[in-house]
Amino acid sequence: MALPAFPNINQRVLQDGYSETPETNQAKFQPDVGPPLLRKRTSIAQTIFTIKQWLSSSDWDTLRSFYYTTLLNGTQQFTWVHPRTGVAATFQFEGAAPKLVGTFGITFEIAYTLRQIA
């Protein structure tokens, strides 16, 4: 079954609220003596993205519907274009639902966190 695609809304990400944080892909064990022992945890290191966007009221409604209805409260994965590279990838919402953090006239500042799966 094909994954749903991120909705066709404003895709521009604000520089001010953007961050890309690779997850630590190490498992660490501290023996009684000697240095810690490290090993790779998984074959795929995932990245966490913090995103802020300005959306119109209708785009905000579309994003909320996508999150709650299409993605079943953000539990499903979806395809989207990587914000920095422009390459298609698989993502999933991480943590809380997208939230409205500011209003600028008829434009709304929206913030959310994503995990790149693949």
N, C-alpha and C. Protein backbone atom coordinates (compact mmCIF):
# COMPACT_ATOMS: atom_id res chain seq x y z
N MET A 1 0.84 -1.18 0.00
CA MET A 1 0.00 0.00 0.00
C MET A 1 0.88 1.25 0.00
N ALA A 2 0.56 2.19 -0.85
CA ALA A 2 1.35 3.42 -0.95
C ALA A 2 1.10 4.33 0.25
N LEU A 3 2.13 5.00 0.67
CA LEU A 3 2.00 5.94 1.78
C LEU A 3 1.31 7.21 1.31
N PRO A 4 0.54 7.86 2.18
CA PRO A 4 -0.06 9.13 1.80
C PRO A 4 1.03 10.19 1.64
N ALA A 5 0.77 11.17 0.80
CA ALA A 5 1.71 12.26 0.58
C ALA A 5 1.32 13.46 1.43
N PHE A 6 2.33 14.22 1.86
CA PHE A 6 2.08 15.46 2.60
C PHE A 6 1.16 16.32 1.75
N PRO A 7 0.20 17.02 2.36
CA PRO A 7 -0.77 17.78 1.56
C PRO A 7 -0.13 18.89 0.73
N ASN A 8 -0.83 19.26 -0.32
CA ASN A 8 -0.35 20.30 -1.24
C ASN A 8 -0.66 21.68 -0.64
N ILE A 9 0.13 22.04 0.35
CA ILE A 9 0.01 23.35 1.00
C ILE A 9 1.36 24.04 0.88
N ASN A 10 1.48 25.24 1.45
CA ASN A 10 2.75 25.95 1.44
C ASN A 10 3.84 25.06 2.02
N GLN A 11 4.85 24.73 1.22
CA GLN A 11 5.91 23.81 1.64
C GLN A 11 7.16 24.55 2.15
N ARG A 12 7.13 25.88 2.10
CA ARG A 12 8.31 26.63 2.52
C ARG A 12 8.47 26.60 4.03
N VAL A 13 9.66 26.25 4.46
CA VAL A 13 9.99 26.14 5.88
C VAL A 13 10.73 27.41 6.30
N LEU A 14 10.39 27.95 7.47
CA LEU A 14 11.06 29.15 7.97
C LEU A 14 12.46 28.81 8.46
N GLN A 15 13.42 29.64 8.08
CA GLN A 15 14.81 29.42 8.53
C GLN A 15 14.92 29.47 10.04
N ASP A 16 14.19 30.40 10.63
CA ASP A 16 14.30 30.64 12.06
C ASP A 16 13.90 29.43 12.90
N GLY A 17 12.93 28.65 12.43
CA GLY A 17 12.46 27.54 13.24
C GLY A 17 12.90 26.18 12.76
N TYR A 18 13.86 26.12 11.85
CA TYR A 18 14.26 24.86 11.24
C TYR A 18 15.48 24.28 11.95
N SER A 19 15.41 22.99 12.27
CA SER A 19 16.60 22.30 12.75
C SER A 19 16.55 20.85 12.31
N GLU A 20 17.73 20.28 12.12
CA GLU A 20 17.91 18.89 11.71
C GLU A 20 18.85 18.26 12.74
N THR A 21 18.38 17.26 13.47
CA THR A 21 19.19 16.65 14.51
C THR A 21 19.29 15.15 14.29
N PRO A 22 20.46 14.66 13.88
CA PRO A 22 20.61 13.21 13.73
C PRO A 22 20.52 12.54 15.10
N GLU A 23 19.81 11.43 15.14
CA GLU A 23 19.73 10.67 16.39
C GLU A 23 21.05 9.97 16.65
N THR A 24 21.38 9.83 17.91
CA THR A 24 22.56 9.08 18.27
C THR A 24 22.31 7.62 17.92
N ASN A 25 23.21 7.04 17.17
CA ASN A 25 23.02 5.67 16.72
C ASN A 25 24.05 4.76 17.39
N GLN A 26 24.29 5.02 18.67
CA GLN A 26 25.26 4.23 19.42
C GLN A 26 24.61 3.63 20.67
N ALA A 27 24.97 2.42 20.97
CA ALA A 27 24.63 1.82 22.26
C ALA A 27 25.93 1.80 23.06
N LYS A 28 25.85 2.25 24.29
CA LYS A 28 27.06 2.39 25.10
C LYS A 28 26.94 1.52 26.34
N PHE A 29 28.00 0.81 26.65
CA PHE A 29 28.07 -0.01 27.85
C PHE A 29 29.33 0.35 28.60
N GLN A 30 29.18 0.65 29.89
CA GLN A 30 30.33 1.00 30.71
C GLN A 30 30.69 -0.20 31.58
N PRO A 31 31.78 -0.94 31.24
CA PRO A 31 32.20 -2.06 32.10
C PRO A 31 32.77 -1.54 33.42
N ASP A 32 32.99 -2.43 34.36
CA ASP A 32 33.53 -2.05 35.67
C ASP A 32 34.89 -1.37 35.55
N VAL A 33 35.69 -1.82 34.58
CA VAL A 33 37.00 -1.21 34.36
C VAL A 33 37.18 -0.96 32.86
N GLY A 34 37.98 0.03 32.55
CA GLY A 34 38.28 0.32 31.15
C GLY A 34 37.31 1.31 30.52
N PRO A 35 37.57 1.62 29.28
CA PRO A 35 36.75 2.60 28.58
C PRO A 35 35.37 2.02 28.22
N PRO A 36 34.40 2.89 27.94
CA PRO A 36 33.08 2.41 27.53
C PRO A 36 33.17 1.64 26.22
N LEU A 37 32.30 0.67 26.07
CA LEU A 37 32.22 -0.10 24.84
C LEU A 37 31.06 0.45 24.02
N LEU A 38 31.31 0.75 22.75
CA LEU A 38 30.29 1.31 21.87
C LEU A 38 29.98 0.34 20.74
N ARG A 39 28.72 0.35 20.31
CA ARG A 39 28.35 -0.41 19.13
C ARG A 39 27.23 0.35 18.42
N LYS A 40 27.06 0.05 17.16
CA LYS A 40 26.00 0.65 16.36
C LYS A 40 24.66 0.08 16.81
N ARG A 41 23.65 0.93 17.02
CA ARG A 41 22.34 0.47 17.49
C ARG A 41 21.47 -0.08 16.39
N THR A 42 21.38 0.63 15.28
CA THR A 42 20.50 0.22 14.19
C THR A 42 21.22 0.39 12.86
N SER A 43 20.65 -0.20 11.82
CA SER A 43 21.25 -0.05 10.50
C SER A 43 20.88 1.28 9.86
N ILE A 44 19.84 1.92 10.35
CA ILE A 44 19.41 3.21 9.80
C ILE A 44 19.40 4.26 10.90
N ALA A 45 20.23 5.27 10.76
CA ALA A 45 20.22 6.38 11.70
C ALA A 45 19.15 7.37 11.25
N GLN A 46 18.22 7.70 12.13
CA GLN A 46 17.13 8.60 11.77
C GLN A 46 17.45 10.02 12.18
N THR A 47 16.73 10.96 11.56
CA THR A 47 16.94 12.38 11.82
C THR A 47 15.63 12.99 12.29
N ILE A 48 15.73 13.86 13.29
CA ILE A 48 14.57 14.58 13.82
C ILE A 48 14.61 16.00 13.27
N PHE A 49 13.47 16.46 12.73
CA PHE A 49 13.35 17.80 12.17
C PHE A 49 12.39 18.64 13.00
N THR A 50 12.78 19.85 13.31
CA THR A 50 11.88 20.83 13.89
C THR A 50 11.52 21.79 12.76
N ILE A 51 10.22 21.95 12.53
CA ILE A 51 9.74 22.72 11.39
C ILE A 51 8.84 23.85 11.86
N LYS A 52 9.00 25.02 11.27
CA LYS A 52 8.05 26.12 11.42
C LYS A 52 7.68 26.60 10.02
N GLN A 53 6.40 26.87 9.84
CA GLN A 53 5.90 27.36 8.55
C GLN A 53 4.86 28.45 8.79
N TRP A 54 4.70 29.31 7.80
CA TRP A 54 3.57 30.24 7.79
C TRP A 54 2.52 29.64 6.87
N LEU A 55 1.32 29.48 7.40
CA LEU A 55 0.23 28.91 6.62
C LEU A 55 -1.00 29.81 6.66
N SER A 56 -1.78 29.76 5.60
CA SER A 56 -3.08 30.43 5.59
C SER A 56 -4.04 29.63 6.46
N SER A 57 -5.18 30.17 6.74
CA SER A 57 -6.18 29.47 7.55
C SER A 57 -6.60 28.16 6.88
N SER A 58 -6.80 28.18 5.57
CA SER A 58 -7.22 26.95 4.88
C SER A 58 -6.10 25.92 4.85
N ASP A 59 -4.83 26.37 4.69
CA ASP A 59 -3.71 25.43 4.74
C ASP A 59 -3.57 24.80 6.13
N TRP A 60 -3.80 25.60 7.18
CA TRP A 60 -3.74 25.09 8.55
C TRP A 60 -4.83 24.03 8.76
N ASP A 61 -6.03 24.29 8.25
CA ASP A 61 -7.12 23.31 8.34
C ASP A 61 -6.76 22.03 7.59
N THR A 62 -6.13 22.16 6.42
CA THR A 62 -5.71 21.00 5.63
C THR A 62 -4.67 20.18 6.38
N LEU A 63 -3.68 20.85 6.99
CA LEU A 63 -2.65 20.14 7.75
C LEU A 63 -3.25 19.41 8.94
N ARG A 64 -4.17 20.05 9.66
CA ARG A 64 -4.82 19.41 10.81
C ARG A 64 -5.62 18.18 10.37
N SER A 65 -6.34 18.29 9.27
CA SER A 65 -7.11 17.17 8.75
C SER A 65 -6.19 16.03 8.34
N PHE A 66 -5.08 16.36 7.69
CA PHE A 66 -4.09 15.36 7.30
C PHE A 66 -3.58 14.62 8.53
N TYR A 67 -3.22 15.36 9.57
CA TYR A 67 -2.67 14.77 10.79
C TYR A 67 -3.70 13.88 11.49
N TYR A 68 -4.89 14.41 11.74
CA TYR A 68 -5.89 13.69 12.55
C TYR A 68 -6.65 12.62 11.77
N THR A 69 -6.95 12.87 10.51
CA THR A 69 -7.77 11.94 9.74
C THR A 69 -6.94 10.99 8.89
N THR A 70 -6.13 11.54 7.99
CA THR A 70 -5.35 10.71 7.08
C THR A 70 -4.31 9.89 7.82
N LEU A 71 -3.61 10.53 8.77
CA LEU A 71 -2.53 9.85 9.49
C LEU A 71 -2.98 9.27 10.83
N LEU A 72 -4.27 9.24 11.07
CA LEU A 72 -4.83 8.63 12.29
C LEU A 72 -4.14 9.16 13.54
N ASN A 73 -4.27 10.46 13.76
CA ASN A 73 -3.65 11.17 14.90
C ASN A 73 -2.13 11.10 14.86
N GLY A 74 -1.57 11.15 13.65
CA GLY A 74 -0.12 11.21 13.48
C GLY A 74 0.60 9.89 13.66
N THR A 75 -0.13 8.77 13.65
CA THR A 75 0.50 7.47 13.89
C THR A 75 1.04 6.81 12.62
N GLN A 76 0.69 7.34 11.45
CA GLN A 76 1.09 6.72 10.19
C GLN A 76 2.24 7.50 9.55
N GLN A 77 2.98 6.82 8.70
CA GLN A 77 4.07 7.46 7.95
C GLN A 77 3.51 8.09 6.69
N PHE A 78 4.29 9.02 6.11
CA PHE A 78 3.88 9.70 4.88
C PHE A 78 5.12 10.10 4.09
N THR A 79 4.90 10.44 2.84
CA THR A 79 6.02 10.91 2.00
C THR A 79 5.99 12.44 1.95
N TRP A 80 7.16 13.00 1.88
CA TRP A 80 7.31 14.45 1.79
C TRP A 80 8.67 14.72 1.18
N VAL A 81 8.87 15.91 0.68
CA VAL A 81 10.16 16.31 0.13
C VAL A 81 11.02 16.84 1.28
N HIS A 82 12.23 16.31 1.39
CA HIS A 82 13.16 16.74 2.43
C HIS A 82 13.30 18.25 2.36
N PRO A 83 13.13 18.98 3.47
CA PRO A 83 13.14 20.45 3.45
C PRO A 83 14.45 21.07 2.95
N ARG A 84 15.57 20.40 3.14
CA ARG A 84 16.86 20.98 2.73
C ARG A 84 17.32 20.46 1.39
N THR A 85 17.20 19.15 1.15
CA THR A 85 17.76 18.55 -0.07
C THR A 85 16.78 18.51 -1.24
N GLY A 86 15.47 18.54 -0.93
CA GLY A 86 14.47 18.46 -1.99
C GLY A 86 14.23 17.04 -2.49
N VAL A 87 14.80 16.03 -1.83
CA VAL A 87 14.64 14.64 -2.22
C VAL A 87 13.45 14.03 -1.47
N ALA A 88 12.64 13.24 -2.17
CA ALA A 88 11.49 12.60 -1.53
C ALA A 88 11.96 11.62 -0.46
N ALA A 89 11.26 11.60 0.68
CA ALA A 89 11.62 10.72 1.79
C ALA A 89 10.36 10.34 2.56
N THR A 90 10.52 9.41 3.48
CA THR A 90 9.42 8.97 4.33
C THR A 90 9.58 9.60 5.71
N PHE A 91 8.49 10.16 6.22
CA PHE A 91 8.50 10.85 7.51
C PHE A 91 7.36 10.36 8.38
N GLN A 92 7.45 10.71 9.67
CA GLN A 92 6.36 10.49 10.61
C GLN A 92 6.40 11.63 11.62
N PHE A 93 5.22 12.08 12.05
CA PHE A 93 5.18 13.12 13.07
C PHE A 93 5.75 12.56 14.36
N GLU A 94 6.46 13.39 15.09
CA GLU A 94 7.13 13.00 16.32
C GLU A 94 6.56 13.84 17.46
N GLY A 95 6.11 13.18 18.50
CA GLY A 95 5.61 13.92 19.67
C GLY A 95 4.23 14.50 19.44
N ALA A 96 4.05 15.74 19.85
CA ALA A 96 2.74 16.40 19.82
C ALA A 96 2.28 16.72 18.39
N ALA A 97 1.01 16.97 18.28
CA ALA A 97 0.41 17.37 17.00
C ALA A 97 0.95 18.74 16.59
N PRO A 98 0.87 19.08 15.30
CA PRO A 98 1.25 20.42 14.87
C PRO A 98 0.47 21.46 15.68
N LYS A 99 1.14 22.56 16.03
CA LYS A 99 0.46 23.58 16.83
C LYS A 99 0.65 24.96 16.24
N LEU A 100 -0.33 25.79 16.51
CA LEU A 100 -0.30 27.18 16.08
C LEU A 100 0.46 27.96 17.15
N VAL A 101 1.56 28.62 16.75
CA VAL A 101 2.39 29.32 17.73
C VAL A 101 2.39 30.83 17.57
N GLY A 102 1.80 31.34 16.49
CA GLY A 102 1.75 32.78 16.28
C GLY A 102 0.81 33.15 15.16
N THR A 103 0.31 34.39 15.22
CA THR A 103 -0.59 34.89 14.19
C THR A 103 -0.03 36.19 13.64
N PHE A 104 -0.01 36.29 12.33
CA PHE A 104 0.48 37.51 11.66
C PHE A 104 -0.59 37.93 10.67
N GLY A 105 -1.60 38.65 11.15
CA GLY A 105 -2.71 39.03 10.28
C GLY A 105 -3.49 37.79 9.89
N ILE A 106 -3.51 37.49 8.59
CA ILE A 106 -4.25 36.31 8.11
C ILE A 106 -3.33 35.10 7.90
N THR A 107 -2.09 35.20 8.38
CA THR A 107 -1.13 34.11 8.26
C THR A 107 -0.82 33.58 9.65
N PHE A 108 -0.66 32.26 9.75
CA PHE A 108 -0.43 31.62 11.03
C PHE A 108 0.92 30.92 11.03
N GLU A 109 1.65 31.05 12.13
CA GLU A 109 2.92 30.34 12.28
C GLU A 109 2.62 28.99 12.94
N ILE A 110 3.01 27.92 12.25
CA ILE A 110 2.74 26.56 12.69
C ILE A 110 4.07 25.88 13.01
N ALA A 111 4.11 25.10 14.09
CA ALA A 111 5.32 24.38 14.47
C ALA A 111 5.00 22.90 14.67
N TYR A 112 5.92 22.05 14.25
CA TYR A 112 5.78 20.61 14.46
C TYR A 112 7.14 19.94 14.32
N THR A 113 7.19 18.69 14.76
CA THR A 113 8.42 17.90 14.72
C THR A 113 8.18 16.64 13.90
N LEU A 114 9.14 16.32 13.04
CA LEU A 114 9.06 15.13 12.20
C LEU A 114 10.27 14.24 12.42
N ARG A 115 10.09 12.96 12.18
CA ARG A 115 11.18 12.00 12.17
C ARG A 115 11.30 11.46 10.75
N GLN A 116 12.49 11.55 10.16
CA GLN A 116 12.72 10.96 8.85
C GLN A 116 12.96 9.47 9.05
N ILE A 117 12.11 8.66 8.42
CA ILE A 117 12.18 7.22 8.57
C ILE A 117 13.12 6.62 7.54
N ALA A 118 13.00 7.06 6.30
CA ALA A 118 13.85 6.53 5.23
C ALA A 118 14.02 7.57 4.14
